[in-house]
Protein backbone atom coordinates (compact mmCIF):
# COMPACT_ATOMS: atom_id res chain seq x y z
CA MET A 1 0.00 0.00 0.00
CA THR A 2 1.28 3.45 -0.89
CA GLU A 3 -1.39 5.23 1.16
CA PHE A 4 -0.50 6.90 4.46
CA TRP A 5 -2.69 8.54 7.08
CA LEU A 6 -1.09 11.57 8.68
CA ILE A 7 -2.96 12.21 11.92
CA SER A 8 -2.47 14.14 15.13
CA ALA A 9 -3.88 13.91 18.62
CA PRO A 10 -3.34 16.19 21.62
CA GLY A 11 -0.58 15.32 24.07
CA ASP A 12 -1.75 13.62 27.25
CA LYS A 13 0.62 14.39 30.10
CA THR A 14 3.32 14.00 27.47
CA CYS A 15 3.28 13.47 23.70
CA GLN A 16 5.01 10.14 24.26
CA GLN A 17 1.92 8.89 26.13
CA THR A 18 -0.26 9.88 23.14
CA TRP A 19 2.07 7.89 20.89
CA ASP A 20 2.10 4.86 23.22
CA LYS A 21 -1.72 4.78 23.42
CA MET A 22 -2.08 4.91 19.65
CA MET A 23 0.57 2.17 19.22
CA ALA A 24 -1.19 -0.04 21.77
CA ALA A 25 -4.56 0.41 20.02
CA THR A 26 -3.28 -0.22 16.47
CA THR A 27 -0.37 -2.66 16.72
CA ARG A 28 -0.04 -4.55 19.99
CA THR A 29 -2.90 -6.99 19.46
CA ASN A 30 -4.24 -6.51 15.95
CA ASN A 31 -1.41 -5.14 13.74
CA LEU A 32 -3.67 -2.70 11.86
CA SER A 33 -0.94 -0.37 10.55
CA ALA A 34 2.77 0.36 10.42
CA ASN A 35 3.29 3.56 12.42
CA HIS A 36 5.94 6.28 12.56
CA LYS A 37 6.30 9.48 14.53
CA PHE A 38 6.06 12.48 12.21
CA ASN A 39 8.37 15.21 13.40
CA ILE A 40 7.09 18.78 13.07
CA PRO A 41 9.35 21.51 14.52
CA ASP A 42 8.24 24.38 16.79
CA LEU A 43 6.69 26.68 14.19
CA LYS A 44 5.49 30.24 14.85
CA VAL A 45 1.82 30.13 15.74
CA GLY A 46 0.69 33.71 14.95
CA THR A 47 -2.85 34.91 15.61
CA LEU A 48 -6.07 32.92 15.45
CA ASP A 49 -7.36 34.99 12.50
CA VAL A 50 -4.22 34.24 10.51
CA LEU A 51 -4.48 30.51 11.32
CA VAL A 52 -8.12 30.31 10.20
CA GLY A 53 -7.30 32.06 6.89
CA LEU A 54 -4.17 29.98 6.44
CA SER A 55 -6.12 26.74 6.93
CA ASP A 56 -8.13 27.45 3.74
CA GLU A 57 -5.10 28.69 1.78
CA LEU A 58 -3.07 25.60 2.68
CA ALA A 59 -5.91 23.32 1.51
CA LYS A 60 -5.79 24.99 -1.93
CA LEU A 61 -1.98 24.97 -1.98
CA ASP A 62 -1.98 21.27 -1.03
CA SER A 63 -4.17 20.44 -4.07
CA PHE A 64 -2.06 22.59 -6.41
CA VAL A 65 1.27 21.14 -5.30
CA GLU A 66 -0.08 17.58 -5.46
CA SER A 67 -1.19 18.24 -9.05
CA VAL A 68 2.29 19.52 -9.98
CA VAL A 69 3.97 16.50 -8.33
CA LYS A 70 1.70 14.20 -10.38
CA LYS A 71 2.30 16.17 -13.58
CA VAL A 72 6.09 15.91 -13.22
CA ALA A 73 5.82 12.18 -12.43
CA GLN A 74 3.49 11.53 -15.37
CA TYR A 75 5.67 13.52 -17.76
CA MET A 76 8.70 11.53 -16.59
CA ALA A 77 6.78 8.39 -17.60
CA ASP A 78 5.91 9.92 -20.99
CA VAL A 79 9.52 10.93 -21.68
CA LEU A 80 10.94 7.54 -20.69
CA GLU A 81 8.55 5.89 -23.21
CA ASP A 82 9.88 2.32 -23.58
CA SER A 83 11.57 2.35 -20.16
CA ARG A 84 8.40 2.97 -18.15
CA ASP A 85 9.37 0.25 -15.71
CA LYS A 86 12.28 2.51 -14.71
CA VAL A 87 10.02 5.44 -13.81
CA GLN A 88 9.64 4.47 -10.16
CA GLU A 89 13.40 4.32 -9.60
CA ASN A 90 13.69 7.89 -10.89
CA LEU A 91 10.92 9.21 -8.63
CA LEU A 92 12.97 9.91 -5.51
CA ALA A 93 12.86 12.56 -2.79
CA ASN A 94 16.23 13.68 -1.47
CA GLY A 95 17.79 10.61 -3.10
CA VAL A 96 15.58 8.05 -1.31
CA ASP A 97 12.31 6.34 -2.27
CA LEU A 98 9.12 8.17 -1.35
CA VAL A 99 8.03 5.83 1.44
CA THR A 100 11.43 6.15 3.13
CA TYR A 101 11.32 9.95 2.81
CA ILE A 102 7.84 10.20 4.35
CA THR A 103 8.46 7.74 7.19
CA ARG A 104 11.74 9.48 8.11
CA PHE A 105 10.52 13.01 7.46
CA GLN A 106 12.72 15.80 8.78
CA TRP A 107 11.81 19.46 8.30
CA ASP A 108 14.21 21.21 5.89
CA MET A 109 15.36 24.21 7.95
CA ALA A 110 17.48 25.65 5.11
CA LYS A 111 14.65 25.78 2.55
CA TYR A 112 11.84 26.64 4.93
CA PRO A 113 13.29 28.54 7.95
CA ILE A 114 11.03 28.09 10.99
CA LYS A 115 11.82 31.62 12.20
CA GLN A 116 9.60 32.79 9.35
CA SER A 117 5.85 33.06 9.88
CA LEU A 118 3.63 30.19 8.71
CA LYS A 119 2.23 32.46 5.96
CA ASN A 120 5.74 33.26 4.70
CA ILE A 121 6.69 29.58 4.63
CA SER A 122 3.54 28.76 2.63
CA GLU A 123 4.35 31.61 0.21
CA ILE A 124 7.93 30.31 -0.26
CA ILE A 125 6.51 26.88 -1.17
CA SER A 126 3.85 28.39 -3.45
CA LYS A 127 6.43 30.46 -5.41
CA GLN A 128 8.83 27.53 -5.65
CA VAL A 129 6.22 25.08 -6.99
CA THR A 130 4.63 27.65 -9.33
CA GLN A 131 8.08 28.11 -10.87
CA ILE A 132 8.46 24.34 -11.32
CA ASP A 133 5.00 24.21 -12.95
CA ASN A 134 5.84 27.04 -15.37
CA ASP A 135 9.24 25.54 -16.25
CA LEU A 136 7.61 22.15 -16.85
CA LYS A 137 5.13 23.69 -19.32
CA THR A 138 7.95 25.39 -21.26
CA ARG A 139 10.25 22.34 -21.35
CA ALA A 140 7.43 19.91 -22.12
CA SER A 141 6.16 22.10 -24.97
CA ALA A 142 9.62 22.30 -26.60
CA TYR A 143 10.29 18.57 -26.25
CA ASN A 144 6.77 17.57 -27.38
CA ASN A 145 7.09 19.72 -30.53
CA LEU A 146 10.40 18.09 -31.37
CA LYS A 147 9.01 14.61 -30.67
CA GLY A 148 5.84 15.36 -32.68
CA ASN A 149 7.78 16.57 -35.73
CA LEU A 150 10.01 13.51 -35.60
CA GLN A 151 7.01 11.17 -35.27
CA ASN A 152 5.34 12.83 -38.27
CA LEU A 153 8.44 12.22 -40.39
CA GLU A 154 8.75 8.66 -39.11
CA ARG A 155 5.06 8.08 -39.89
CA LYS A 156 5.67 9.28 -43.44
CA ASN A 157 8.40 6.64 -43.79
CA ALA A 158 6.22 3.82 -42.50
CA GLY A 159 2.85 2.34 -43.26
CA SER A 160 1.22 1.37 -46.53
CA LEU A 161 2.78 1.97 -49.95
CA LEU A 162 -0.37 3.95 -50.77
CA THR A 163 0.56 6.71 -48.31
CA ARG A 164 4.14 6.38 -47.09
CA SER A 165 7.07 8.47 -48.31
CA LEU A 166 8.90 6.79 -51.19
CA ALA A 167 12.12 8.77 -50.78
CA ASP A 168 14.04 6.00 -49.03
CA ILE A 169 12.74 3.30 -51.42
CA VAL A 170 13.49 4.62 -54.91
CA LYS A 171 16.85 5.34 -56.53
CA LYS A 172 17.87 7.70 -59.30
CA GLU A 173 18.39 4.84 -61.78
CA ASP A 174 14.71 3.80 -61.39
CA PHE A 175 13.64 6.90 -63.37
CA VAL A 176 14.01 8.38 -66.83
CA LEU A 177 15.02 11.93 -65.90
CA ASN A 178 15.43 15.17 -67.86
CA SER A 179 13.67 13.79 -70.93
CA GLU A 180 11.59 16.04 -73.17
CA TYR A 181 9.18 13.21 -74.03
CA LEU A 182 9.39 10.36 -71.52
CA ILE A 183 8.30 10.14 -67.86
CA THR A 184 8.49 7.37 -65.25
CA LEU A 185 5.41 6.81 -63.06
CA LEU A 186 5.25 4.83 -59.81
CA VAL A 187 2.32 2.43 -59.44
CA VAL A 188 1.11 0.57 -56.33
CA VAL A 189 -0.19 -2.86 -57.36
CA PRO A 190 -1.91 -5.30 -54.95
CA LYS A 191 -0.03 -8.60 -54.74
CA THR A 192 -3.10 -10.43 -56.03
CA ALA A 193 -2.97 -8.31 -59.23
CA TYR A 194 0.73 -8.75 -60.14
CA THR A 195 0.06 -11.15 -63.02
CA ASP A 196 -2.70 -8.99 -64.44
CA TRP A 197 -0.45 -5.91 -64.21
CA GLN A 198 2.42 -7.56 -66.07
CA LYS A 199 0.06 -8.74 -68.82
CA THR A 200 -1.83 -5.47 -69.31
CA TYR A 201 0.25 -2.40 -68.38
CA GLU A 202 1.69 -2.00 -71.91
CA THR A 203 -1.85 -1.81 -73.33
CA LEU A 204 -3.37 0.66 -70.84
CA ALA A 205 -2.44 3.52 -73.18
CA GLU A 206 -0.62 4.09 -76.43
CA MET A 207 3.04 5.00 -76.12
CA VAL A 208 3.89 2.91 -73.01
CA VAL A 209 7.51 1.80 -73.29
CA PRO A 210 7.51 -2.03 -73.62
CA ARG A 211 9.10 -4.04 -70.77
CA SER A 212 9.65 -0.79 -68.80
CA SER A 213 7.85 -1.91 -65.61
CA ASN A 214 10.04 -3.09 -62.71
CA LEU A 215 9.16 -4.14 -59.16
CA LEU A 216 11.05 -1.72 -56.87
CA PHE A 217 9.70 -2.60 -53.41
CA GLU A 218 7.12 -4.79 -51.64
CA ASP A 219 5.25 -4.61 -48.36
CA ASN A 220 2.77 -7.17 -46.97
CA ASP A 221 -0.05 -6.23 -49.34
CA SER A 222 1.34 -4.50 -52.40
CA GLY A 223 4.28 -3.89 -54.67
CA LEU A 224 5.67 -0.63 -56.03
CA PHE A 225 6.25 -0.81 -59.79
CA SER A 226 7.84 1.72 -62.12
CA VAL A 227 6.54 2.20 -65.65
CA THR A 228 7.83 4.54 -68.37
CA LEU A 229 5.65 6.17 -71.06
CA PHE A 230 5.40 9.21 -73.24
CA MET A 231 4.20 12.32 -71.41
CA LYS A 232 1.27 12.85 -73.79
CA ALA A 233 -0.14 9.44 -72.75
CA ILE A 234 -0.25 10.19 -68.97
CA ASP A 235 -3.94 11.14 -68.72
CA ASP A 236 -5.11 8.16 -70.71
CA PHE A 237 -2.86 5.80 -68.74
CA LYS A 238 -4.11 7.15 -65.38
CA HIS A 239 -7.75 6.86 -66.44
CA LYS A 240 -7.40 3.25 -67.63
CA SER A 241 -5.36 2.29 -64.52
CA GLN A 242 -8.30 3.04 -62.23
CA ALA A 243 -10.22 0.10 -63.65
CA ARG A 244 -7.33 -2.28 -62.96
CA ARG A 245 -7.29 -1.74 -59.12
CA VAL A 246 -3.88 -0.08 -59.17
CA THR A 247 -2.92 3.30 -57.69
CA ILE A 248 -0.57 5.78 -59.30
CA ARG A 249 1.46 7.66 -56.69
CA ASP A 250 1.93 11.39 -57.21
CA PHE A 251 5.74 11.43 -57.04
CA GLN A 252 8.47 13.39 -58.74
CA TYR A 253 12.08 12.44 -58.20
CA ASN A 254 13.84 15.45 -56.64
CA GLU A 255 17.22 14.64 -55.15
CA GLU A 256 17.56 17.92 -53.23
CA GLU A 257 14.13 17.61 -51.56
CA MET A 258 14.79 14.00 -50.59
CA LYS A 259 18.19 14.89 -49.17
CA ALA A 260 16.65 17.77 -47.19
CA ASP A 261 14.01 15.38 -45.72
CA LYS A 262 16.68 12.90 -44.64
CA GLU A 263 18.79 15.67 -43.10
CA GLU A 264 15.75 17.03 -41.24
CA MET A 265 15.03 13.57 -39.80
CA THR A 266 18.65 13.15 -38.70
CA ARG A 267 18.66 16.64 -37.15
CA LEU A 268 15.41 16.04 -35.22
CA SER A 269 16.58 12.64 -34.03
CA THR A 270 19.91 14.11 -32.84
CA ASP A 271 18.16 17.04 -31.13
CA LYS A 272 15.79 14.66 -29.33
CA LYS A 273 18.70 12.57 -28.03
CA LYS A 274 20.54 15.73 -26.93
CA GLN A 275 17.51 17.05 -25.01
CA PHE A 276 16.55 13.69 -23.48
CA GLY A 277 19.34 13.44 -20.86
CA PRO A 278 19.10 17.00 -19.49
CA LEU A 279 15.27 16.80 -19.49
CA VAL A 280 15.21 13.57 -17.45
CA ARG A 281 17.74 15.09 -15.00
CA TRP A 282 15.59 18.22 -14.66
CA LEU A 283 12.48 16.08 -14.06
CA LYS A 284 14.25 14.02 -11.37
CA VAL A 285 15.52 17.10 -9.51
CA ASN A 286 12.24 18.98 -9.72
CA PHE A 287 10.09 15.97 -8.87
CA SER A 288 12.13 15.67 -5.69
CA GLU A 289 11.74 19.40 -4.95
CA ALA A 290 7.98 19.37 -5.56
CA PHE A 291 7.39 16.19 -3.53
CA ILE A 292 9.42 17.54 -0.58
CA ALA A 293 7.42 20.79 -0.76
CA TRP A 294 4.18 18.76 -0.77
CA ILE A 295 5.06 16.85 2.40
CA HIS A 296 6.07 20.12 4.10
CA ILE A 297 2.59 21.47 3.25
CA LYS A 298 1.06 18.38 4.90
CA ALA A 299 3.18 19.15 7.97
CA LEU A 300 2.00 22.79 7.94
CA ARG A 301 -1.63 21.68 7.64
CA VAL A 302 -1.31 19.27 10.57
CA PHE A 303 0.30 22.00 12.68
CA VAL A 304 -2.32 24.66 11.84
CA GLU A 305 -5.30 22.30 12.21
CA SER A 306 -3.95 20.87 15.49
CA VAL A 307 -3.55 24.33 17.02
CA LEU A 308 -7.06 25.33 15.82
CA ARG A 309 -8.62 22.15 17.23
CA TYR A 310 -6.59 21.43 20.34
CA GLY A 311 -5.72 25.02 21.36
CA LEU A 312 -2.64 26.54 22.96
CA PRO A 313 -0.04 25.95 24.22
CA VAL A 314 1.03 23.78 21.25
CA ASN A 315 0.86 20.20 22.52
CA PHE A 316 0.11 17.45 20.04
CA GLN A 317 1.71 14.34 18.55
CA ALA A 318 1.76 13.97 14.75
CA MET A 319 1.75 10.34 13.63
CA LEU A 320 2.05 8.61 10.27
CA LEU A 321 0.05 5.41 9.83
CA GLN A 322 0.39 3.02 6.92
CA PRO A 323 -2.67 0.74 6.82
CA SER A 324 -3.17 -2.24 4.55
CA LYS A 325 -6.26 -2.41 2.34
CA LYS A 326 -7.78 -5.13 4.54
CA THR A 327 -7.31 -3.19 7.79
CA MET A 328 -8.52 0.27 6.74
CA LYS A 329 -12.09 -0.04 7.96
CA LYS A 330 -11.08 -1.60 11.28
CA LEU A 331 -8.31 0.97 11.78
CA ARG A 332 -10.81 3.78 11.25
CA GLU A 333 -13.10 2.27 13.91
CA VAL A 334 -10.23 1.84 16.40
CA LEU A 335 -9.06 5.46 15.90
CA ASN A 336 -12.64 6.66 16.30
CA ASP A 337 -12.97 4.81 19.62
CA LEU A 338 -9.61 6.12 20.77
CA TYR A 339 -10.27 9.77 19.96
CA LYS A 340 -14.07 10.25 19.95
CA HIS A 341 -13.83 12.14 23.25
CA LEU A 342 -12.01 14.95 21.34
CA ASP A 343 -15.07 15.95 19.31
CA SER A 344 -18.45 14.46 20.17
CA SER A 345 -20.13 15.96 17.06
CA ALA A 346 -17.65 14.21 14.74
CA ALA A 347 -18.14 10.95 16.60
CA ALA A 348 -21.91 11.31 16.24
CA ILE A 349 -21.57 11.91 12.50
CA ILE A 350 -19.39 8.82 12.13
CA ASP A 351 -21.68 6.63 14.26
CA SER A 352 -24.79 7.69 12.37
CA ALA A 353 -23.04 7.28 9.00
CA MET A 354 -22.59 3.59 9.75
CA ASP A 355 -26.41 3.25 9.55
CA ILE A 356 -27.20 5.57 6.64
CA PRO A 357 -26.87 3.87 3.24
CA GLY A 358 -25.49 6.07 0.49
CA LEU A 359 -23.75 8.53 2.82
CA ASN A 360 -20.20 8.61 1.52
CA LEU A 361 -18.21 9.75 4.53
CA SER A 362 -14.89 9.59 2.71
CA GLN A 363 -15.86 12.72 0.77
CA GLN A 364 -16.19 14.65 4.02
CA GLU A 365 -13.16 13.03 5.68
CA TYR A 366 -13.84 14.75 9.00
CA TYR A 367 -12.81 12.84 12.11
CA PRO A 368 -12.41 13.70 15.79
CA TYR A 369 -8.63 13.75 15.22
CA VAL A 370 -6.66 15.75 12.62
CA TYR A 371 -6.33 13.62 9.47
CA TYR A 372 -4.73 14.04 6.04
CA LYS A 373 -4.16 11.36 3.43
CA ILE A 374 -0.88 11.03 1.54
CA ASP A 375 -0.94 8.72 -1.48
CA CYS A 376 2.44 7.92 -3.01
CA ASN A 377 0.95 6.25 -6.09
CA LEU A 378 1.38 9.27 -8.35
CA LEU A 379 1.01 7.69 -11.79
CA ASP A 380 -2.05 6.85 -13.89
CA PHE A 381 -0.63 3.43 -14.71
CA LYS A 382 0.90 0.74 -12.55
CA VAL A 383 4.65 0.46 -12.94
């Protein structure tokens, strides 16, 4: 399970007692979750008005930063294309996997100095993550354009003979060039019609050069044939060809154009390879930065909500619980029993919800204790 429950409860005589009680309720007899203390430093409390306003702002900031974390992770998966199984090993925070980072969380004093007010710290995080979001848009746009142009060229060089580029198939010697009277056409013939083509192409119009048709290339369904005729016979030849289930490709041999196309493909391919390494490095660094910022916001939210709920002086224990899918419901019931004395109205809501079909409590996610969910599964697909 990559889901964690970040909760807090007020300190009893000491915060250690709060921790011990929770551990006894969730692990000693029933092993409902793996638990870790979540260390939040002594932050500046400020006034009640500021805390109330900040509570709403942090909720919005939490959603925004989570969305940026997911965007960076998802784009990493898109960029790595064929190596998607390697995505998870690139999604690290401070050089360690996400579960390790969360369970051993330490506040980053250098990035987010605790002498600053809570509002200032939230503004530092907001500016930092907004910058990452803007940079991601710019870098992704440039790389996607490059990738798109390359894919378009590659698409032209693949697929059916009816539509694909013929530049890498034909050679100069396949054509009669620079003639006043003669022209070479390229014809796509279904494999089932080869015999018919060889028997009839010389008679589809007057002035077709005898024995001038050669098979130049085949795919699974068709063959590309050349045929040489007099220019004045082109219209007649094209008209009669339609009845024979063959397709004349609109193609003129132009060495300079073909060379330019090949050079463009080489240039785009080289540019993509050059950008790939630095882009993946940027994504790794900035995923880490955004994820760390996100967990610091969770810490800020726990601190603010705990002070608003449990009052001053600051005295609460933040705890990180990792339930398994099977134990979630039972864990919720145990925590409710343990902490229902903190808020009788929340307990009443939860108790009544057990009996009301169709009431989806998870959308409200209000409990007698402070609770925030952290889900480390950040990708749309399973890696």
